[in-house]
Amino acid sequence: MTQGRIIIPKYIRKKAKIKEGGYVRVEGDTIVIEPIQSIADKYYGIIKIEKWSDDLDEFAAEVMRR
């Protein structure tokens, strides 16, 4: 019995930077698989941090307010 799974060879996953939890969408009759970029990597260096807060939730809220 098949489970509708597709195996993507490791060399393709590595080249496309696709990891577990990648984003899959369907466009017409085409399946598009995109890597999910970590939020930390995406915004790394955008804000200069002099000292990390002990309460990261409050820290993130303060950054968003700025």
C-alpha atoms as a PDB file:
ATOM      1  CA  MET A   1       0.000   0.000   0.000  1.00  0.00           C
ATOM      2  CA  THR A   2       1.414   3.419  -0.951  1.00  0.00           C
ATOM      3  CA  GLN A   3       1.331   6.385   1.378  1.00  0.00           C
ATOM      4  CA  GLY A   4       1.768   9.135  -1.215  1.00  0.00           C
ATOM      5  CA  ARG A   5       5.322   9.941  -0.185  1.00  0.00           C
ATOM      6  CA  ILE A   6       8.095  11.106  -2.463  1.00  0.00           C
ATOM      7  CA  ILE A   7      11.766  10.565  -1.665  1.00  0.00           C
ATOM      8  CA  ILE A   8      14.079  13.357  -2.774  1.00  0.00           C
ATOM      9  CA  PRO A   9      17.706  12.250  -3.082  1.00  0.00           C
ATOM     10  CA  LYS A  10      20.111  13.725  -0.538  1.00  0.00           C
ATOM     11  CA  TYR A  11      22.280  15.509  -3.127  1.00  0.00           C
ATOM     12  CA  ILE A  12      19.209  17.369  -4.450  1.00  0.00           C
ATOM     13  CA  ARG A  13      18.003  18.293  -0.941  1.00  0.00           C
ATOM     14  CA  LYS A  14      21.482  19.545  -0.079  1.00  0.00           C
ATOM     15  CA  LYS A  15      21.834  21.588  -3.281  1.00  0.00           C
ATOM     16  CA  ALA A  16      18.355  23.131  -2.833  1.00  0.00           C
ATOM     17  CA  LYS A  17      18.958  23.642   0.925  1.00  0.00           C
ATOM     18  CA  ILE A  18      15.757  21.783   1.738  1.00  0.00           C
ATOM     19  CA  LYS A  19      15.447  20.411   5.261  1.00  0.00           C
ATOM     20  CA  GLU A  20      12.680  18.640   7.109  1.00  0.00           C
ATOM     21  CA  GLY A  21       9.689  20.935   7.369  1.00  0.00           C
ATOM     22  CA  GLY A  22      10.180  22.613   3.995  1.00  0.00           C
ATOM     23  CA  TYR A  23       7.278  24.461   2.435  1.00  0.00           C
ATOM     24  CA  VAL A  24       5.301  22.674  -0.299  1.00  0.00           C
ATOM     25  CA  ARG A  25       2.707  24.298  -2.542  1.00  0.00           C
ATOM     26  CA  VAL A  26       0.911  23.379  -5.750  1.00  0.00           C
ATOM     27  CA  GLU A  27       0.810  25.766  -8.702  1.00  0.00           C
ATOM     28  CA  GLY A  28      -1.455  24.327 -11.370  1.00  0.00           C
ATOM     29  CA  ASP A  29       0.039  20.933 -12.181  1.00  0.00           C
ATOM     30  CA  THR A  30       3.431  21.758 -10.641  1.00  0.00           C
ATOM     31  CA  ILE A  31       4.604  20.930  -7.119  1.00  0.00           C
ATOM     32  CA  VAL A  32       6.939  23.564  -5.650  1.00  0.00           C
ATOM     33  CA  ILE A  33       9.137  22.722  -2.646  1.00  0.00           C
ATOM     34  CA  GLU A  34      10.909  25.599  -0.926  1.00  0.00           C
ATOM     35  CA  PRO A  35      13.345  25.588   1.965  1.00  0.00           C
ATOM     36  CA  ILE A  36      12.228  27.285   5.140  1.00  0.00           C
ATOM     37  CA  GLN A  37      14.731  29.916   6.188  1.00  0.00           C
ATOM     38  CA  SER A  38      15.127  30.436   9.896  1.00  0.00           C
ATOM     39  CA  ILE A  39      13.922  33.803  11.131  1.00  0.00           C
ATOM     40  CA  ALA A  40      17.232  34.273  12.956  1.00  0.00           C
ATOM     41  CA  ASP A  41      19.192  33.741   9.727  1.00  0.00           C
ATOM     42  CA  LYS A  42      16.837  35.946   7.713  1.00  0.00           C
ATOM     43  CA  TYR A  43      17.187  38.958  10.017  1.00  0.00           C
ATOM     44  CA  TYR A  44      20.719  38.360  11.314  1.00  0.00           C
ATOM     45  CA  GLY A  45      22.573  41.634  11.724  1.00  0.00           C
ATOM     46  CA  ILE A  46      19.577  43.890  11.044  1.00  0.00           C
ATOM     47  CA  ILE A  47      19.613  45.241  14.616  1.00  0.00           C
ATOM     48  CA  LYS A  48      22.739  45.877  16.643  1.00  0.00           C
ATOM     49  CA  ILE A  49      22.458  44.270  20.081  1.00  0.00           C
ATOM     50  CA  GLU A  50      24.749  45.512  22.823  1.00  0.00           C
ATOM     51  CA  LYS A  51      23.397  43.253  25.589  1.00  0.00           C
ATOM     52  CA  TRP A  52      20.916  40.385  25.375  1.00  0.00           C
ATOM     53  CA  SER A  53      18.003  40.569  27.788  1.00  0.00           C
ATOM     54  CA  ASP A  54      17.289  37.759  30.241  1.00  0.00           C
ATOM     55  CA  ASP A  55      13.627  37.871  29.158  1.00  0.00           C
ATOM     56  CA  LEU A  56      13.728  37.264  25.399  1.00  0.00           C
ATOM     57  CA  ASP A  57       9.955  37.698  25.009  1.00  0.00           C
ATOM     58  CA  GLU A  58      10.126  41.189  26.480  1.00  0.00           C
ATOM     59  CA  PHE A  59      13.265  41.894  24.453  1.00  0.00           C
ATOM     60  CA  ALA A  60      11.502  40.892  21.201  1.00  0.00           C
ATOM     61  CA  ALA A  61       8.488  43.033  22.099  1.00  0.00           C
ATOM     62  CA  GLU A  62      10.752  46.032  22.742  1.00  0.00           C
ATOM     63  CA  VAL A  63      12.557  45.550  19.418  1.00  0.00           C
ATOM     64  CA  MET A  64       9.213  45.415  17.590  1.00  0.00           C
ATOM     65  CA  ARG A  65       8.083  48.627  19.327  1.00  0.00           C
ATOM     66  CA  ARG A  66      11.207  50.415  18.041  1.00  0.00           C
END
